[in-house]
Amino acid sequence: MVFPINKNLWTSSYVLFTAGTALLLFGAMYWVIDVRRLRGAWVTPLVVYGMNSIAVFVASGMFAKTLTRISVGGEETIPLSAWLYENAFRSWAGDYGGSLAFALAQVGFWLVLMWILHRRGIHIKI
């Protein structure tokens, strides 16, 4: 009778939960931004990501794979992504806080790059 929400197995309950949550968020943002026209500086990062969404999707995926393929360390090598997480984030923020800080740093990194493209009028389209 109970079907757990399990990300690792990509269960149907997980897919339906995340798709439903994304749809609710999308609907709320549409209502606030387009219907109610409540716009401000808080919308700008969303516009920047949206104008180059394919570029940031592809580039971040390639960058993540590159970070995992580059090894650092002496005798026991570890991927560069793990080294960055351990030394730059986990060391001062702990396990969960470090993971959150690492994720936010990546989002911020890509926001800065996409902001530069946006300011120069470069919008990558298919």
C-alpha atoms as a PDB file:
ATOM      1  CA  MET A   1       0.000   0.000   0.000  1.00  0.00           C
ATOM      2  CA  VAL A   2       2.960   2.311   0.560  1.00  0.00           C
ATOM      3  CA  PHE A   3       5.376   3.097  -2.253  1.00  0.00           C
ATOM      4  CA  PRO A   4       8.380   5.049  -0.940  1.00  0.00           C
ATOM      5  CA  ILE A   5       9.797   8.135  -2.600  1.00  0.00           C
ATOM      6  CA  ASN A   6      13.295   6.943  -3.488  1.00  0.00           C
ATOM      7  CA  LYS A   7      15.603   9.084  -5.616  1.00  0.00           C
ATOM      8  CA  ASN A   8      18.279   6.430  -6.001  1.00  0.00           C
ATOM      9  CA  LEU A   9      15.843   4.015  -7.649  1.00  0.00           C
ATOM     10  CA  TRP A  10      13.878   6.692  -9.515  1.00  0.00           C
ATOM     11  CA  THR A  11      10.637   5.177  -8.360  1.00  0.00           C
ATOM     12  CA  SER A  12       7.433   6.338  -9.984  1.00  0.00           C
ATOM     13  CA  SER A  13       6.441   7.984  -6.696  1.00  0.00           C
ATOM     14  CA  TYR A  14       9.672  10.025  -6.748  1.00  0.00           C
ATOM     15  CA  VAL A  15       9.108  11.080 -10.352  1.00  0.00           C
ATOM     16  CA  LEU A  16       5.503  12.086  -9.699  1.00  0.00           C
ATOM     17  CA  PHE A  17       6.437  13.964  -6.514  1.00  0.00           C
ATOM     18  CA  THR A  18       9.262  15.953  -8.125  1.00  0.00           C
ATOM     19  CA  ALA A  19       7.276  16.624 -11.317  1.00  0.00           C
ATOM     20  CA  GLY A  20       4.306  17.793  -9.271  1.00  0.00           C
ATOM     21  CA  THR A  21       6.474  20.029  -7.124  1.00  0.00           C
ATOM     22  CA  ALA A  22       8.121  21.531 -10.213  1.00  0.00           C
ATOM     23  CA  LEU A  23       4.720  22.104 -11.810  1.00  0.00           C
ATOM     24  CA  LEU A  24       3.408  23.856  -8.691  1.00  0.00           C
ATOM     25  CA  LEU A  25       6.499  26.073  -8.543  1.00  0.00           C
ATOM     26  CA  PHE A  26       6.236  26.842 -12.259  1.00  0.00           C
ATOM     27  CA  GLY A  27       2.563  27.730 -11.903  1.00  0.00           C
ATOM     28  CA  ALA A  28       3.237  29.950  -8.893  1.00  0.00           C
ATOM     29  CA  MET A  29       6.061  31.763 -10.680  1.00  0.00           C
ATOM     30  CA  TYR A  30       3.909  32.222 -13.796  1.00  0.00           C
ATOM     31  CA  TRP A  31       1.102  33.674 -11.719  1.00  0.00           C
ATOM     32  CA  VAL A  32       3.364  36.027  -9.755  1.00  0.00           C
ATOM     33  CA  ILE A  33       5.572  37.203 -12.636  1.00  0.00           C
ATOM     34  CA  ASP A  34       3.321  37.124 -15.713  1.00  0.00           C
ATOM     35  CA  VAL A  35      -0.232  37.396 -14.406  1.00  0.00           C
ATOM     36  CA  ARG A  36       0.281  39.694 -11.405  1.00  0.00           C
ATOM     37  CA  ARG A  37       3.310  41.401 -13.028  1.00  0.00           C
ATOM     38  CA  LEU A  38       5.215  41.519  -9.736  1.00  0.00           C
ATOM     39  CA  ARG A  39       8.678  41.989 -11.135  1.00  0.00           C
ATOM     40  CA  GLY A  40      11.799  43.335  -9.563  1.00  0.00           C
ATOM     41  CA  ALA A  41      15.460  42.638  -9.086  1.00  0.00           C
ATOM     42  CA  TRP A  42      14.641  39.184  -7.721  1.00  0.00           C
ATOM     43  CA  VAL A  43      13.477  38.084 -11.199  1.00  0.00           C
ATOM     44  CA  THR A  44      16.731  39.027 -12.954  1.00  0.00           C
ATOM     45  CA  PRO A  45      18.696  35.864 -12.009  1.00  0.00           C
ATOM     46  CA  LEU A  46      15.784  33.763 -13.265  1.00  0.00           C
ATOM     47  CA  VAL A  47      15.788  35.651 -16.575  1.00  0.00           C
ATOM     48  CA  VAL A  48      19.555  35.255 -16.888  1.00  0.00           C
ATOM     49  CA  TYR A  49      19.338  31.501 -16.363  1.00  0.00           C
ATOM     50  CA  GLY A  50      16.290  31.222 -18.614  1.00  0.00           C
ATOM     51  CA  MET A  51      17.862  33.035 -21.554  1.00  0.00           C
ATOM     52  CA  ASN A  52      20.782  30.581 -21.650  1.00  0.00           C
ATOM     53  CA  SER A  53      19.230  27.541 -20.024  1.00  0.00           C
ATOM     54  CA  ILE A  54      20.514  25.060 -22.622  1.00  0.00           C
ATOM     55  CA  ALA A  55      24.020  26.524 -22.394  1.00  0.00           C
ATOM     56  CA  VAL A  56      24.156  26.295 -18.607  1.00  0.00           C
ATOM     57  CA  PHE A  57      22.688  22.775 -18.666  1.00  0.00           C
ATOM     58  CA  VAL A  58      25.256  21.454 -21.136  1.00  0.00           C
ATOM     59  CA  ALA A  59      28.225  23.412 -19.755  1.00  0.00           C
ATOM     60  CA  SER A  60      27.544  22.472 -16.126  1.00  0.00           C
ATOM     61  CA  GLY A  61      27.239  18.806 -17.068  1.00  0.00           C
ATOM     62  CA  MET A  62      30.509  18.891 -18.981  1.00  0.00           C
ATOM     63  CA  PHE A  63      32.196  20.791 -16.143  1.00  0.00           C
ATOM     64  CA  ALA A  64      30.975  18.280 -13.549  1.00  0.00           C
ATOM     65  CA  LYS A  65      32.289  15.358 -15.604  1.00  0.00           C
ATOM     66  CA  THR A  66      35.610  17.146 -16.046  1.00  0.00           C
ATOM     67  CA  LEU A  67      35.923  17.707 -12.290  1.00  0.00           C
ATOM     68  CA  THR A  68      35.364  14.018 -11.622  1.00  0.00           C
ATOM     69  CA  ARG A  69      37.911  12.913 -14.238  1.00  0.00           C
ATOM     70  CA  ILE A  70      40.737  15.115 -12.948  1.00  0.00           C
ATOM     71  CA  SER A  71      42.533  13.416 -10.056  1.00  0.00           C
ATOM     72  CA  VAL A  72      44.484  15.198  -7.344  1.00  0.00           C
ATOM     73  CA  GLY A  73      46.512  14.012  -4.394  1.00  0.00           C
ATOM     74  CA  GLY A  74      49.620  12.021  -3.754  1.00  0.00           C
ATOM     75  CA  GLU A  75      49.514   8.266  -3.360  1.00  0.00           C
ATOM     76  CA  GLU A  76      45.748   8.086  -2.923  1.00  0.00           C
ATOM     77  CA  THR A  77      44.254  10.202  -5.661  1.00  0.00           C
ATOM     78  CA  ILE A  78      40.706  11.503  -5.457  1.00  0.00           C
ATOM     79  CA  PRO A  79      38.594  13.353  -8.026  1.00  0.00           C
ATOM     80  CA  LEU A  80      38.987  17.127  -8.065  1.00  0.00           C
ATOM     81  CA  SER A  81      35.290  17.578  -7.238  1.00  0.00           C
ATOM     82  CA  ALA A  82      35.676  15.497  -4.064  1.00  0.00           C
ATOM     83  CA  TRP A  83      38.838  17.381  -3.127  1.00  0.00           C
ATOM     84  CA  LEU A  84      37.096  20.750  -3.589  1.00  0.00           C
ATOM     85  CA  TYR A  85      34.146  19.601  -1.504  1.00  0.00           C
ATOM     86  CA  GLU A  86      36.342  18.249   1.291  1.00  0.00           C
ATOM     87  CA  ASN A  87      38.807  21.147   1.482  1.00  0.00           C
ATOM     88  CA  ALA A  88      36.808  24.183   0.445  1.00  0.00           C
ATOM     89  CA  PHE A  89      33.365  23.440   1.896  1.00  0.00           C
ATOM     90  CA  ARG A  90      33.109  20.446   4.229  1.00  0.00           C
ATOM     91  CA  SER A  91      36.078  21.578   6.303  1.00  0.00           C
ATOM     92  CA  TRP A  92      34.228  24.639   7.643  1.00  0.00           C
ATOM     93  CA  ALA A  93      30.534  23.827   7.078  1.00  0.00           C
ATOM     94  CA  GLY A  94      30.272  20.150   7.980  1.00  0.00           C
ATOM     95  CA  ASP A  95      28.645  17.391   5.955  1.00  0.00           C
ATOM     96  CA  TYR A  96      25.216  18.841   5.177  1.00  0.00           C
ATOM     97  CA  GLY A  97      26.198  22.496   5.275  1.00  0.00           C
ATOM     98  CA  GLY A  98      29.234  21.782   3.119  1.00  0.00           C
ATOM     99  CA  SER A  99      27.103  19.973   0.570  1.00  0.00           C
ATOM    100  CA  LEU A 100      24.678  22.899   0.467  1.00  0.00           C
ATOM    101  CA  ALA A 101      27.513  25.432   0.222  1.00  0.00           C
ATOM    102  CA  PHE A 102      29.142  23.433  -2.591  1.00  0.00           C
ATOM    103  CA  ALA A 103      25.861  23.320  -4.525  1.00  0.00           C
ATOM    104  CA  LEU A 104      25.198  27.035  -3.988  1.00  0.00           C
ATOM    105  CA  ALA A 105      28.749  27.865  -5.087  1.00  0.00           C
ATOM    106  CA  GLN A 106      28.193  25.964  -8.317  1.00  0.00           C
ATOM    107  CA  VAL A 107      24.882  27.737  -8.954  1.00  0.00           C
ATOM    108  CA  GLY A 108      26.564  31.071  -8.234  1.00  0.00           C
ATOM    109  CA  PHE A 109      29.496  30.249 -10.506  1.00  0.00           C
ATOM    110  CA  TRP A 110      27.183  29.496 -13.425  1.00  0.00           C
ATOM    111  CA  LEU A 111      25.024  32.523 -12.670  1.00  0.00           C
ATOM    112  CA  VAL A 112      28.066  34.786 -12.968  1.00  0.00           C
ATOM    113  CA  LEU A 113      29.072  33.205 -16.283  1.00  0.00           C
ATOM    114  CA  MET A 114      25.535  33.391 -17.675  1.00  0.00           C
ATOM    115  CA  TRP A 115      25.225  36.971 -16.428  1.00  0.00           C
ATOM    116  CA  ILE A 116      28.299  37.908 -18.488  1.00  0.00           C
ATOM    117  CA  LEU A 117      26.753  36.310 -21.587  1.00  0.00           C
ATOM    118  CA  HIS A 118      23.428  38.025 -20.886  1.00  0.00           C
ATOM    119  CA  ARG A 119      25.028  41.465 -20.471  1.00  0.00           C
ATOM    120  CA  ARG A 120      26.798  41.040 -23.814  1.00  0.00           C
ATOM    121  CA  GLY A 121      23.574  40.004 -25.505  1.00  0.00           C
ATOM    122  CA  ILE A 122      24.738  36.445 -26.163  1.00  0.00           C
ATOM    123  CA  HIS A 123      21.810  34.035 -26.014  1.00  0.00           C
ATOM    124  CA  ILE A 124      22.514  30.487 -27.138  1.00  0.00           C
ATOM    125  CA  LYS A 125      19.498  28.912 -28.831  1.00  0.00           C
ATOM    126  CA  ILE A 126      18.794  25.679 -30.630  1.00  0.00           C
END
